[in-house]
Amino acid sequence: MRRQFLFALALSIPLASHTNDAFSQCQLRVIQPLREALVQDGGEIALGEADDPVAPKAWQGPLANAHCTLDLGILEGPFIQTNHRSLFVTTYSGSERTLYLVDFEMCAVIWKSVPFTGRVEARRGELKIARRRVALGADCVPRQ
């Protein structure tokens, strides 16, 4: 009788999934710079000298933390953190912008957009780059 009860109980309990929804999807969060640095879950990332000490809109770079330095050019917002500890960063030269996905643990650029003009917006599961929507994989890397 006890064996039958345990068997019935085992059938009624849902099996735990090995994937957690919070980590199976790409989650984005815009982070605001504090003067010349970003403070995120993984620590502080220096942005270099700001164009305006009171209300900065651009930074000279390079991006740097205690373990990594990446010189991408002149940086501007938005700075978009992913739940995979990578960071989307926009640079500009003249009227053209480029969006990068950087990983500070690997100290590498994971992805780079083609040059564009317009804004970058973080949306659920995607980025809007200028007028184009770019879907993101579960690892937050754009699928193109």
C-alpha atoms as a PDB file:
ATOM      1  CA  MET A   1       0.000   0.000   0.000  1.00  0.00           C
ATOM      2  CA  ARG A   2       2.794   2.443   0.902  1.00  0.00           C
ATOM      3  CA  ARG A   3       4.585   1.697  -2.382  1.00  0.00           C
ATOM      4  CA  GLN A   4       1.402   2.486  -4.357  1.00  0.00           C
ATOM      5  CA  PHE A   5       0.984   5.761  -2.441  1.00  0.00           C
ATOM      6  CA  LEU A   6       4.571   6.826  -3.160  1.00  0.00           C
ATOM      7  CA  PHE A   7       4.181   5.912  -6.828  1.00  0.00           C
ATOM      8  CA  ALA A   8       0.951   7.940  -7.089  1.00  0.00           C
ATOM      9  CA  LEU A   9       2.601  10.842  -5.277  1.00  0.00           C
ATOM     10  CA  ALA A  10       5.583  10.736  -7.623  1.00  0.00           C
ATOM     11  CA  LEU A  11       3.272  10.904 -10.637  1.00  0.00           C
ATOM     12  CA  SER A  12       1.433  13.936  -9.274  1.00  0.00           C
ATOM     13  CA  ILE A  13       4.547  16.068  -8.617  1.00  0.00           C
ATOM     14  CA  PRO A  14       5.671  18.006 -11.691  1.00  0.00           C
ATOM     15  CA  LEU A  15       9.255  17.390 -12.665  1.00  0.00           C
ATOM     16  CA  ALA A  16      11.559  20.329 -12.049  1.00  0.00           C
ATOM     17  CA  SER A  17      12.844  21.933 -15.192  1.00  0.00           C
ATOM     18  CA  HIS A  18      16.564  22.371 -15.639  1.00  0.00           C
ATOM     19  CA  THR A  19      16.040  25.704 -17.340  1.00  0.00           C
ATOM     20  CA  ASN A  20      15.117  28.789 -15.431  1.00  0.00           C
ATOM     21  CA  ASP A  21      13.021  31.294 -17.413  1.00  0.00           C
ATOM     22  CA  ALA A  22      15.081  34.167 -16.039  1.00  0.00           C
ATOM     23  CA  PHE A  23      18.182  32.735 -17.695  1.00  0.00           C
ATOM     24  CA  SER A  24      16.659  31.031 -20.743  1.00  0.00           C
ATOM     25  CA  GLN A  25      15.673  34.394 -22.227  1.00  0.00           C
ATOM     26  CA  CYS A  26      17.762  37.425 -22.942  1.00  0.00           C
ATOM     27  CA  GLN A  27      16.978  40.180 -20.463  1.00  0.00           C
ATOM     28  CA  LEU A  28      18.152  43.732 -21.059  1.00  0.00           C
ATOM     29  CA  ARG A  29      18.575  46.629 -18.659  1.00  0.00           C
ATOM     30  CA  VAL A  30      19.665  50.145 -19.581  1.00  0.00           C
ATOM     31  CA  ILE A  31      22.249  51.412 -17.094  1.00  0.00           C
ATOM     32  CA  GLN A  32      23.088  55.065 -16.653  1.00  0.00           C
ATOM     33  CA  PRO A  33      26.708  56.184 -16.330  1.00  0.00           C
ATOM     34  CA  LEU A  34      27.855  57.851 -13.139  1.00  0.00           C
ATOM     35  CA  ARG A  35      30.150  60.579 -14.481  1.00  0.00           C
ATOM     36  CA  GLU A  36      32.917  58.555 -16.134  1.00  0.00           C
ATOM     37  CA  ALA A  37      31.946  55.000 -15.176  1.00  0.00           C
ATOM     38  CA  LEU A  38      29.203  52.393 -15.352  1.00  0.00           C
ATOM     39  CA  VAL A  39      28.331  50.486 -12.213  1.00  0.00           C
ATOM     40  CA  GLN A  40      26.821  47.104 -13.008  1.00  0.00           C
ATOM     41  CA  ASP A  41      26.472  43.686 -11.409  1.00  0.00           C
ATOM     42  CA  GLY A  42      30.012  42.727 -12.362  1.00  0.00           C
ATOM     43  CA  GLY A  43      31.595  45.853 -10.873  1.00  0.00           C
ATOM     44  CA  GLU A  44      32.671  49.198 -12.274  1.00  0.00           C
ATOM     45  CA  ILE A  45      33.553  49.885 -15.911  1.00  0.00           C
ATOM     46  CA  ALA A  46      35.498  53.059 -16.678  1.00  0.00           C
ATOM     47  CA  LEU A  47      34.383  54.979 -19.780  1.00  0.00           C
ATOM     48  CA  GLY A  48      37.251  57.423 -20.095  1.00  0.00           C
ATOM     49  CA  GLU A  49      37.058  61.202 -20.099  1.00  0.00           C
ATOM     50  CA  ALA A  50      33.562  62.685 -20.475  1.00  0.00           C
ATOM     51  CA  ASP A  51      32.697  65.457 -22.915  1.00  0.00           C
ATOM     52  CA  ASP A  52      30.949  67.417 -20.136  1.00  0.00           C
ATOM     53  CA  PRO A  53      31.679  66.853 -16.425  1.00  0.00           C
ATOM     54  CA  VAL A  54      28.170  67.951 -15.356  1.00  0.00           C
ATOM     55  CA  ALA A  55      25.956  66.285 -17.992  1.00  0.00           C
ATOM     56  CA  PRO A  56      28.079  63.922 -20.107  1.00  0.00           C
ATOM     57  CA  LYS A  57      26.744  62.536 -23.380  1.00  0.00           C
ATOM     58  CA  ALA A  58      29.957  60.999 -24.773  1.00  0.00           C
ATOM     59  CA  TRP A  59      33.157  59.464 -23.396  1.00  0.00           C
ATOM     60  CA  GLN A  60      36.602  59.081 -24.967  1.00  0.00           C
ATOM     61  CA  GLY A  61      37.047  55.457 -23.899  1.00  0.00           C
ATOM     62  CA  PRO A  62      38.527  52.993 -23.562  1.00  0.00           C
ATOM     63  CA  LEU A  63      36.086  50.740 -21.700  1.00  0.00           C
ATOM     64  CA  ALA A  64      38.050  49.265 -18.827  1.00  0.00           C
ATOM     65  CA  ASN A  65      37.561  47.253 -15.671  1.00  0.00           C
ATOM     66  CA  ALA A  66      40.061  45.536 -13.385  1.00  0.00           C
ATOM     67  CA  HIS A  67      40.662  42.682 -15.867  1.00  0.00           C
ATOM     68  CA  CYS A  68      40.021  44.062 -19.346  1.00  0.00           C
ATOM     69  CA  THR A  69      40.454  47.114 -21.568  1.00  0.00           C
ATOM     70  CA  LEU A  70      38.610  47.521 -24.880  1.00  0.00           C
ATOM     71  CA  ASP A  71      39.245  50.568 -27.064  1.00  0.00           C
ATOM     72  CA  LEU A  72      36.216  50.903 -29.333  1.00  0.00           C
ATOM     73  CA  GLY A  73      36.271  54.644 -30.006  1.00  0.00           C
ATOM     74  CA  ILE A  74      34.059  57.468 -28.735  1.00  0.00           C
ATOM     75  CA  LEU A  75      31.321  55.996 -26.558  1.00  0.00           C
ATOM     76  CA  GLU A  76      27.751  57.154 -26.078  1.00  0.00           C
ATOM     77  CA  GLY A  77      24.586  55.782 -24.534  1.00  0.00           C
ATOM     78  CA  PRO A  78      22.522  53.838 -24.215  1.00  0.00           C
ATOM     79  CA  PHE A  79      24.563  51.296 -22.294  1.00  0.00           C
ATOM     80  CA  ILE A  80      22.544  48.093 -22.154  1.00  0.00           C
ATOM     81  CA  GLN A  81      23.462  45.312 -19.732  1.00  0.00           C
ATOM     82  CA  THR A  82      22.363  41.736 -20.406  1.00  0.00           C
ATOM     83  CA  ASN A  83      21.607  38.991 -17.899  1.00  0.00           C
ATOM     84  CA  HIS A  84      24.677  37.193 -19.295  1.00  0.00           C
ATOM     85  CA  ARG A  85      27.047  39.887 -17.977  1.00  0.00           C
ATOM     86  CA  SER A  86      27.709  41.255 -21.425  1.00  0.00           C
ATOM     87  CA  LEU A  87      27.125  44.862 -22.404  1.00  0.00           C
ATOM     88  CA  PHE A  88      25.816  46.617 -25.518  1.00  0.00           C
ATOM     89  CA  VAL A  89      27.793  49.804 -26.178  1.00  0.00           C
ATOM     90  CA  THR A  90      27.279  52.413 -28.891  1.00  0.00           C
ATOM     91  CA  THR A  91      30.152  54.314 -30.498  1.00  0.00           C
ATOM     92  CA  TYR A  92      30.080  57.066 -33.066  1.00  0.00           C
ATOM     93  CA  SER A  93      32.250  58.657 -35.672  1.00  0.00           C
ATOM     94  CA  GLY A  94      30.771  61.634 -37.497  1.00  0.00           C
ATOM     95  CA  SER A  95      27.096  60.865 -38.110  1.00  0.00           C
ATOM     96  CA  GLU A  96      27.497  57.077 -38.060  1.00  0.00           C
ATOM     97  CA  ARG A  97      27.047  54.857 -35.032  1.00  0.00           C
ATOM     98  CA  THR A  98      28.114  51.285 -34.382  1.00  0.00           C
ATOM     99  CA  LEU A  99      26.686  49.008 -31.702  1.00  0.00           C
ATOM    100  CA  TYR A 100      28.952  46.462 -30.003  1.00  0.00           C
ATOM    101  CA  LEU A 101      28.208  43.572 -27.666  1.00  0.00           C
ATOM    102  CA  VAL A 102      31.204  43.149 -25.366  1.00  0.00           C
ATOM    103  CA  ASP A 103      32.024  40.465 -22.820  1.00  0.00           C
ATOM    104  CA  PHE A 104      34.422  41.557 -20.089  1.00  0.00           C
ATOM    105  CA  GLU A 105      35.031  38.016 -18.810  1.00  0.00           C
ATOM    106  CA  MET A 106      36.393  37.031 -22.245  1.00  0.00           C
ATOM    107  CA  CYS A 107      37.689  40.591 -22.849  1.00  0.00           C
ATOM    108  CA  ALA A 108      36.262  40.474 -26.341  1.00  0.00           C
ATOM    109  CA  VAL A 109      33.761  41.963 -28.739  1.00  0.00           C
ATOM    110  CA  ILE A 110      31.133  39.257 -29.304  1.00  0.00           C
ATOM    111  CA  TRP A 111      29.141  41.090 -31.966  1.00  0.00           C
ATOM    112  CA  LYS A 112      29.364  44.306 -33.985  1.00  0.00           C
ATOM    113  CA  SER A 113      26.602  45.982 -35.993  1.00  0.00           C
ATOM    114  CA  VAL A 114      26.998  47.540 -39.389  1.00  0.00           C
ATOM    115  CA  PRO A 115      27.276  51.352 -39.190  1.00  0.00           C
ATOM    116  CA  PHE A 116      23.896  53.078 -38.852  1.00  0.00           C
ATOM    117  CA  THR A 117      22.272  56.431 -38.163  1.00  0.00           C
ATOM    118  CA  GLY A 118      19.498  56.713 -35.615  1.00  0.00           C
ATOM    119  CA  ARG A 119      18.747  55.535 -32.097  1.00  0.00           C
ATOM    120  CA  VAL A 120      19.183  52.270 -30.223  1.00  0.00           C
ATOM    121  CA  GLU A 121      16.344  50.998 -28.041  1.00  0.00           C
ATOM    122  CA  ALA A 122      16.222  47.947 -25.791  1.00  0.00           C
ATOM    123  CA  ARG A 123      13.015  45.956 -26.062  1.00  0.00           C
ATOM    124  CA  ARG A 124      11.946  42.581 -24.754  1.00  0.00           C
ATOM    125  CA  GLY A 125      13.922  39.982 -26.681  1.00  0.00           C
ATOM    126  CA  GLU A 126      15.148  42.449 -29.281  1.00  0.00           C
ATOM    127  CA  LEU A 127      16.925  45.685 -30.026  1.00  0.00           C
ATOM    128  CA  LYS A 128      15.670  48.415 -32.279  1.00  0.00           C
ATOM    129  CA  ILE A 129      18.655  49.778 -34.172  1.00  0.00           C
ATOM    130  CA  ALA A 130      17.629  52.870 -36.138  1.00  0.00           C
ATOM    131  CA  ARG A 131      14.398  51.624 -37.755  1.00  0.00           C
ATOM    132  CA  ARG A 132      15.353  47.955 -37.831  1.00  0.00           C
ATOM    133  CA  ARG A 133      14.358  45.363 -35.240  1.00  0.00           C
ATOM    134  CA  VAL A 134      17.054  42.828 -34.389  1.00  0.00           C
ATOM    135  CA  ALA A 135      16.005  39.651 -32.577  1.00  0.00           C
ATOM    136  CA  LEU A 136      18.240  38.430 -29.759  1.00  0.00           C
ATOM    137  CA  GLY A 137      19.008  34.816 -28.955  1.00  0.00           C
ATOM    138  CA  ALA A 138      18.747  33.409 -25.437  1.00  0.00           C
ATOM    139  CA  ASP A 139      22.439  34.345 -25.019  1.00  0.00           C
ATOM    140  CA  CYS A 140      21.591  37.960 -26.013  1.00  0.00           C
ATOM    141  CA  VAL A 141      23.648  37.750 -29.205  1.00  0.00           C
ATOM    142  CA  PRO A 142      21.749  39.298 -32.145  1.00  0.00           C
ATOM    143  CA  ARG A 143      20.437  36.819 -34.732  1.00  0.00           C
ATOM    144  CA  GLN A 144      20.913  38.119 -38.247  1.00  0.00           C
END
